[in-house]
Amino acid sequence: MNTPGRRKRVLLAAPRGWCAGVQRAVDTVERALERYGAPVYVRHEIVHNAHVVRALENKGAVFVERTDQVPEGALVVFSAHGVAPAVHAEAAERNLTTIDATCPLVTKVHKEAVRFASEEYDILLIGHEGHEEVIGTTGEAPDHITVVDGPDDVATIHVRDESKVVWLSQTTLSVDETMRTVDALKARFPHLLSPPSDDICYATQNRQTAVRALAQQAELILVVGSANSSNSARMVEVALDEGAPAAHLVDSAADIDPAWLADVSTVGLTSGASAPDTLVDGVLALLAEHGYQHVETVTTAEESLTFALPRELHHDPRVRQYGCL
């Protein structure tokens, strides 16, 4: 509690904010705009952050939800969340020039789905129904994949052969959330196979580990991220599960209710993998106005991974165009 004489402070998580996949996706749109000029169409939000989307719109990006909203023959970027093969087929039919900004870690899950389907496994995809990443992965093998949206779904699952069942996962879930579902699946299907590597991405894990460390010391946790960002929402849940008295998801400093700060000495601050650090800076500035001028960085991991831009941007004079190869 904020007792007299106790200094107000902010514990700032490290790592936080943009991961390598988000950086690559945003850089992809910006590079495409520089090389080919506006408009550059983007299917679905390139990443789930309203501020990033608005900034790219101001530079000439046009966001659409469906491929048929892109003018025939135009340039379109596929978002970091990945798309189903049917979307590539639609692009071919419309003679669209495409750049695929799917996160390489999501691509890995897609390849696992294709491989297990080819081996006639039933694939239990742990994830949130309707999430763009889940839609894209399911589209790789729709006849073999069943989406499992938490332990409560397990009882209703039907498979063809209980000896050939494997689980895969949406990359942005919380580790605990996923493992609760995996445990329920293993109880139902004793021969359940696990994927060859952990599908929850390194950035998601690292940010959840960092928020756990904050939750052990802070009375209030603030997670900067948009409401439709799955990994950001999970960080709030992780903080509360770890015992933080309060935790809130905020899109920016403007969303912070000063009442949250009453009797709080230590605020933990972090951000989701799709939130730019400029938004964190804005929150720090607001907290400083309320007396939280002392900032300590809490480091739980070091990140150095980077991803190359999509191969389509490495070729000249135009990126790959369906129907022209």
Protein backbone atom coordinates (compact mmCIF):
# COMPACT_ATOMS: atom_id res chain seq x y z
CA MET A 1 0.00 0.00 0.00
CA ASN A 2 1.04 3.60 -0.44
CA THR A 3 2.05 4.29 3.14
CA PRO A 4 3.52 7.64 4.21
CA GLY A 5 7.22 7.90 3.46
CA ARG A 6 7.21 5.02 0.97
CA ARG A 7 8.47 6.05 -2.44
CA LYS A 8 6.19 5.61 -5.41
CA ARG A 9 7.85 3.57 -8.12
CA VAL A 10 7.27 1.86 -11.44
CA LEU A 11 8.60 -1.61 -12.16
CA LEU A 12 9.16 -1.77 -15.92
CA ALA A 13 9.19 -5.24 -17.46
CA ALA A 14 11.95 -6.41 -19.78
CA PRO A 15 11.30 -7.88 -22.25
CA ARG A 16 8.10 -6.17 -23.32
CA GLY A 17 6.53 -4.78 -26.47
CA TRP A 18 7.23 -5.68 -30.07
CA CYS A 19 8.50 -9.15 -30.80
CA ALA A 20 10.52 -10.12 -33.86
CA GLY A 21 7.42 -11.25 -35.73
CA VAL A 22 5.60 -7.97 -35.18
CA GLN A 23 8.67 -5.94 -36.11
CA ARG A 24 8.97 -7.94 -39.32
CA ALA A 25 5.30 -7.49 -40.19
CA VAL A 26 5.28 -3.71 -39.64
CA ASP A 27 8.58 -3.34 -41.51
CA THR A 28 7.08 -5.35 -44.37
CA VAL A 29 4.19 -2.92 -44.85
CA GLU A 30 6.45 0.12 -44.54
CA ARG A 31 8.97 -1.32 -47.03
CA ALA A 32 6.20 -2.16 -49.48
CA LEU A 33 4.88 1.41 -49.26
CA GLU A 34 8.36 2.79 -49.87
CA ARG A 35 9.02 0.53 -52.84
CA TYR A 36 5.63 0.48 -54.57
CA GLY A 37 3.82 3.51 -53.18
CA ALA A 38 0.31 3.81 -51.81
CA PRO A 39 -2.06 2.18 -51.63
CA VAL A 40 -0.76 -1.08 -50.23
CA TYR A 41 -3.64 -3.33 -49.21
CA VAL A 42 -3.32 -5.41 -46.04
CA ARG A 43 -5.61 -8.35 -45.37
CA HIS A 44 -6.70 -8.10 -41.75
CA GLU A 45 -4.88 -5.91 -39.22
CA ILE A 46 -1.17 -6.46 -39.79
CA VAL A 47 -0.85 -6.84 -36.00
CA HIS A 48 -3.48 -6.44 -33.32
CA ASN A 49 -2.77 -2.90 -32.22
CA ALA A 50 -5.01 0.04 -33.06
CA HIS A 51 -2.20 2.61 -32.92
CA VAL A 52 0.03 0.65 -35.28
CA VAL A 53 -2.83 0.20 -37.72
CA ARG A 54 -3.68 3.93 -37.69
CA ALA A 55 -0.04 4.90 -38.20
CA LEU A 56 0.21 2.64 -41.26
CA GLU A 57 -3.10 3.93 -42.60
CA ASN A 58 -1.68 7.45 -42.41
CA LYS A 59 1.21 6.26 -44.60
CA GLY A 60 -1.10 4.76 -47.24
CA ALA A 61 -1.94 1.25 -46.07
CA VAL A 62 -5.53 0.12 -46.65
CA PHE A 63 -6.79 -2.61 -44.33
CA VAL A 64 -9.43 -5.04 -45.54
CA GLU A 65 -11.01 -8.13 -44.04
CA ARG A 66 -11.53 -10.11 -47.25
CA THR A 67 -9.43 -10.73 -50.31
CA ASP A 68 -12.31 -9.77 -52.59
CA GLN A 69 -12.10 -6.24 -51.16
CA VAL A 70 -8.71 -5.81 -52.86
CA PRO A 71 -8.91 -4.44 -56.40
CA GLU A 72 -8.01 -7.01 -59.02
CA GLY A 73 -4.30 -6.97 -59.84
CA ALA A 74 -3.37 -4.87 -56.76
CA LEU A 75 -0.71 -5.50 -54.11
CA VAL A 76 -1.80 -7.14 -50.85
CA VAL A 77 0.12 -8.03 -47.68
CA PHE A 78 -1.02 -10.98 -45.56
CA SER A 79 -0.92 -10.23 -41.84
CA ALA A 80 1.39 -11.69 -39.19
CA HIS A 81 -1.38 -14.04 -38.04
CA GLY A 82 -1.22 -16.18 -41.17
CA VAL A 83 -3.85 -17.17 -43.73
CA ALA A 84 -5.31 -20.43 -44.99
CA PRO A 85 -4.36 -21.89 -48.37
CA ALA A 86 -7.81 -20.88 -49.63
CA VAL A 87 -6.81 -17.24 -49.23
CA HIS A 88 -3.77 -17.76 -51.43
CA ALA A 89 -6.06 -19.39 -53.98
CA GLU A 90 -8.41 -16.40 -53.86
CA ALA A 91 -5.44 -14.11 -54.44
CA ALA A 92 -4.44 -16.16 -57.47
CA GLU A 93 -7.93 -15.90 -58.92
CA ARG A 94 -7.82 -12.10 -58.58
CA ASN A 95 -4.30 -11.89 -60.02
CA LEU A 96 -3.06 -10.15 -56.87
CA THR A 97 0.56 -9.41 -56.13
CA THR A 98 1.16 -10.82 -52.64
CA ILE A 99 3.60 -10.38 -49.81
CA ASP A 100 3.24 -12.85 -46.95
CA ALA A 101 4.11 -11.29 -43.57
CA THR A 102 3.03 -14.34 -41.55
CA CYS A 103 5.18 -14.70 -38.43
CA PRO A 104 7.67 -17.55 -38.99
CA LEU A 105 6.58 -19.10 -35.69
CA VAL A 106 2.98 -19.25 -36.93
CA THR A 107 4.24 -20.72 -40.20
CA LYS A 108 5.89 -23.47 -38.15
CA VAL A 109 2.51 -24.43 -36.67
CA HIS A 110 0.97 -24.44 -40.16
CA LYS A 111 3.65 -26.86 -41.35
CA GLU A 112 3.08 -29.10 -38.34
CA ALA A 113 -0.63 -29.18 -39.15
CA VAL A 114 0.04 -30.17 -42.76
CA ARG A 115 2.48 -32.91 -41.74
CA PHE A 116 0.25 -34.48 -39.09
CA ALA A 117 -2.75 -34.34 -41.42
CA SER A 118 -0.74 -36.14 -44.11
CA GLU A 119 -0.04 -38.86 -41.52
CA GLU A 120 -3.81 -39.13 -40.83
CA TYR A 121 -3.73 -37.73 -37.31
CA ASP A 122 -6.67 -35.95 -35.76
CA ILE A 123 -5.29 -32.54 -34.76
CA LEU A 124 -6.67 -30.83 -31.66
CA LEU A 125 -5.84 -27.15 -32.08
CA ILE A 126 -5.90 -25.34 -28.73
CA GLY A 127 -6.96 -21.76 -29.35
CA HIS A 128 -9.76 -19.26 -29.44
CA GLU A 129 -12.48 -19.90 -31.99
CA GLY A 130 -12.59 -17.07 -34.51
CA HIS A 131 -9.07 -15.76 -33.87
CA GLU A 132 -7.32 -14.99 -37.15
CA GLU A 133 -4.39 -17.27 -36.38
CA VAL A 134 -6.68 -20.18 -35.54
CA ILE A 135 -8.67 -19.64 -38.75
CA GLY A 136 -5.48 -19.70 -40.81
CA THR A 137 -4.08 -22.83 -39.16
CA THR A 138 -7.39 -24.67 -39.40
CA GLY A 139 -7.51 -23.89 -43.09
CA GLU A 140 -4.36 -25.95 -43.67
CA ALA A 141 -6.20 -29.18 -42.87
CA PRO A 142 -9.88 -28.49 -42.12
CA ASP A 143 -10.90 -32.16 -42.28
CA HIS A 144 -8.34 -33.12 -39.62
CA ILE A 145 -8.45 -30.17 -37.18
CA THR A 146 -10.79 -29.59 -34.26
CA VAL A 147 -10.48 -26.31 -32.35
CA VAL A 148 -10.39 -26.78 -28.58
CA ASP A 149 -11.22 -23.50 -26.83
CA GLY A 150 -10.31 -24.52 -23.30
CA PRO A 151 -10.77 -27.56 -21.01
CA ASP A 152 -14.57 -27.32 -21.14
CA ASP A 153 -14.49 -28.31 -24.82
CA VAL A 154 -12.67 -31.58 -24.20
CA ALA A 155 -15.68 -33.70 -23.28
CA THR A 156 -17.40 -33.11 -26.63
CA ILE A 157 -14.46 -33.96 -28.89
CA HIS A 158 -14.79 -36.87 -31.30
CA VAL A 159 -11.79 -38.40 -33.09
CA ARG A 160 -11.49 -41.21 -35.61
CA ASP A 161 -8.68 -43.11 -33.88
CA GLU A 162 -7.70 -42.38 -30.27
CA SER A 163 -4.22 -43.78 -30.95
CA LYS A 164 -3.54 -41.08 -33.57
CA VAL A 165 -4.29 -37.75 -31.91
CA VAL A 166 -1.95 -34.76 -31.61
CA TRP A 167 -2.36 -31.30 -30.10
CA LEU A 168 -1.15 -28.01 -31.54
CA SER A 169 -1.65 -24.51 -30.16
CA GLN A 170 -2.31 -20.92 -31.07
CA THR A 171 1.00 -19.17 -30.42
CA THR A 172 -0.34 -16.30 -28.28
CA LEU A 173 -2.05 -18.18 -25.44
CA SER A 174 -0.77 -18.23 -21.89
CA VAL A 175 1.38 -21.21 -21.01
CA ASP A 176 -0.82 -22.09 -18.02
CA GLU A 177 -4.01 -21.80 -20.07
CA THR A 178 -2.64 -24.13 -22.71
CA MET A 179 -1.34 -26.72 -20.28
CA ARG A 180 -4.65 -26.89 -18.42
CA THR A 181 -6.26 -27.83 -21.71
CA VAL A 182 -3.46 -30.26 -22.57
CA ASP A 183 -3.88 -32.00 -19.20
CA ALA A 184 -7.61 -32.39 -19.82
CA LEU A 185 -6.91 -33.76 -23.31
CA LYS A 186 -4.37 -36.27 -22.00
CA ALA A 187 -6.88 -37.50 -19.43
CA ARG A 188 -9.37 -38.08 -22.26
CA PHE A 189 -6.86 -39.37 -24.84
CA PRO A 190 -3.99 -41.25 -23.12
CA HIS A 191 -2.07 -41.65 -26.40
CA LEU A 192 -2.18 -37.92 -27.20
CA LEU A 193 0.95 -36.82 -29.02
CA SER A 194 2.60 -33.48 -28.27
CA PRO A 195 4.06 -31.29 -31.05
CA PRO A 196 7.79 -31.65 -31.72
CA SER A 197 8.42 -28.20 -30.22
CA ASP A 198 6.54 -25.78 -27.99
CA ASP A 199 4.08 -23.89 -30.16
CA ILE A 200 3.65 -20.99 -27.73
CA CYS A 201 6.16 -18.49 -29.08
CA TYR A 202 9.24 -17.35 -27.18
CA ALA A 203 7.96 -13.76 -26.98
CA THR A 204 4.65 -14.81 -25.44
CA GLN A 205 6.43 -16.94 -22.85
CA ASN A 206 9.01 -14.27 -22.05
CA ARG A 207 6.39 -11.55 -21.56
CA GLN A 208 4.33 -13.79 -19.32
CA THR A 209 7.38 -14.64 -17.22
CA ALA A 210 8.14 -10.93 -16.88
CA VAL A 211 4.60 -10.03 -15.82
CA ARG A 212 4.71 -12.78 -13.20
CA ALA A 213 7.80 -11.18 -11.71
CA LEU A 214 6.04 -7.80 -11.60
CA ALA A 215 2.91 -9.28 -10.04
CA GLN A 216 4.90 -10.51 -7.06
CA GLN A 217 5.97 -6.98 -6.17
CA ALA A 218 3.36 -4.55 -7.50
CA GLU A 219 -0.11 -3.67 -6.24
CA LEU A 220 -1.21 -2.66 -9.74
CA ILE A 221 -0.22 -4.11 -13.12
CA LEU A 222 -0.77 -2.13 -16.32
CA VAL A 223 -0.47 -4.01 -19.63
CA VAL A 224 -0.31 -1.78 -22.70
CA GLY A 225 -2.07 -3.39 -25.64
CA SER A 226 -5.26 -3.32 -27.68
CA ALA A 227 -8.35 -5.22 -26.59
CA ASN A 228 -8.18 -7.57 -29.60
CA SER A 229 -4.58 -8.56 -28.83
CA SER A 230 -4.74 -12.10 -27.49
CA ASN A 231 -1.25 -12.11 -26.00
CA SER A 232 -1.88 -8.79 -24.22
CA ALA A 233 -5.16 -10.00 -22.72
CA ARG A 234 -3.47 -13.17 -21.52
CA MET A 235 -0.84 -11.10 -19.67
CA VAL A 236 -3.56 -9.47 -17.58
CA GLU A 237 -4.89 -12.91 -16.69
CA VAL A 238 -1.39 -14.14 -15.83
CA ALA A 239 -0.82 -11.16 -13.53
CA LEU A 240 -4.06 -11.80 -11.66
CA ASP A 241 -3.36 -15.53 -11.45
CA GLU A 242 0.04 -14.71 -9.96
CA GLY A 243 -1.62 -12.73 -7.18
CA ALA A 244 -1.54 -9.12 -8.35
CA PRO A 245 -4.29 -7.22 -6.48
CA ALA A 246 -5.29 -5.43 -9.70
CA ALA A 247 -4.37 -5.58 -13.38
CA HIS A 248 -5.72 -3.68 -16.37
CA LEU A 249 -5.27 -3.73 -20.15
CA VAL A 250 -4.90 -0.20 -21.55
CA ASP A 251 -4.58 0.86 -25.16
CA SER A 252 -2.68 3.99 -24.11
CA ALA A 253 -2.21 6.37 -21.18
CA ALA A 254 -5.62 7.89 -21.96
CA ASP A 255 -7.29 4.67 -20.74
CA ILE A 256 -5.83 4.85 -17.23
CA ASP A 257 -8.30 5.72 -14.49
CA PRO A 258 -6.50 7.82 -11.83
CA ALA A 259 -8.63 6.04 -9.22
CA TRP A 260 -6.64 2.88 -9.92
CA LEU A 261 -3.59 4.61 -8.41
CA ALA A 262 -5.15 5.33 -5.04
CA ASP A 263 -3.05 3.84 -2.22
CA VAL A 264 -0.70 2.19 -4.73
CA SER A 265 3.04 2.53 -4.15
CA THR A 266 4.32 0.15 -6.82
CA VAL A 267 2.96 -0.05 -10.36
CA GLY A 268 4.12 -2.82 -12.66
CA LEU A 269 4.20 -1.80 -16.32
CA THR A 270 4.56 -3.97 -19.39
CA SER A 271 3.19 -4.24 -22.93
CA GLY A 272 1.99 -6.90 -25.32
CA ALA A 273 4.00 -8.17 -28.26
CA SER A 274 2.10 -5.93 -30.70
CA ALA A 275 2.30 -2.67 -28.72
CA PRO A 276 4.93 -0.07 -29.71
CA ASP A 277 7.18 1.28 -26.96
CA THR A 278 6.02 4.85 -27.62
CA LEU A 279 2.76 3.92 -25.89
CA VAL A 280 4.69 2.69 -22.85
CA ASP A 281 6.55 6.01 -22.81
CA GLY A 282 3.19 7.78 -22.68
CA VAL A 283 2.12 5.72 -19.69
CA LEU A 284 5.41 6.43 -17.92
CA ALA A 285 4.87 10.16 -18.49
CA LEU A 286 1.38 10.01 -17.02
CA LEU A 287 2.54 7.99 -14.02
CA ALA A 288 5.32 10.53 -13.42
CA GLU A 289 2.68 13.25 -13.24
CA HIS A 290 1.08 11.25 -10.42
CA GLY A 291 4.33 10.97 -8.50
CA TYR A 292 5.71 7.72 -9.92
CA GLN A 293 9.02 9.17 -11.04
CA HIS A 294 11.26 6.34 -9.91
CA VAL A 295 11.46 3.62 -12.58
CA GLU A 296 13.20 0.28 -12.08
CA THR A 297 13.64 -2.22 -14.92
CA VAL A 298 12.92 -5.84 -14.02
CA THR A 299 14.73 -8.07 -16.53
CA THR A 300 13.75 -11.73 -16.76
CA ALA A 301 15.10 -12.60 -20.23
CA GLU A 302 17.19 -11.22 -23.06
CA GLU A 303 15.86 -11.28 -26.61
CA SER A 304 18.03 -11.08 -29.70
CA LEU A 305 16.02 -12.99 -32.31
CA THR A 306 15.29 -11.22 -35.58
CA PHE A 307 13.48 -12.38 -38.71
CA ALA A 308 14.39 -11.48 -42.27
CA LEU A 309 11.78 -9.67 -44.33
CA PRO A 310 9.53 -11.85 -46.51
CA ARG A 311 11.36 -13.32 -49.46
CA GLU A 312 9.01 -11.53 -51.84
CA LEU A 313 10.65 -8.22 -50.89
CA HIS A 314 14.09 -9.56 -51.75
CA HIS A 315 13.25 -9.91 -55.43
CA ASP A 316 13.15 -7.19 -58.07
CA PRO A 317 11.41 -5.55 -59.85
CA ARG A 318 8.10 -6.82 -58.44
CA VAL A 319 7.14 -9.24 -55.69
CA ARG A 320 5.62 -12.54 -56.76
CA GLN A 321 2.44 -12.13 -58.73
CA TYR A 322 0.01 -15.02 -59.00
CA GLY A 323 -0.62 -16.02 -62.58
CA CYS A 324 2.60 -14.44 -63.87
CA LEU A 325 5.13 -17.14 -62.99
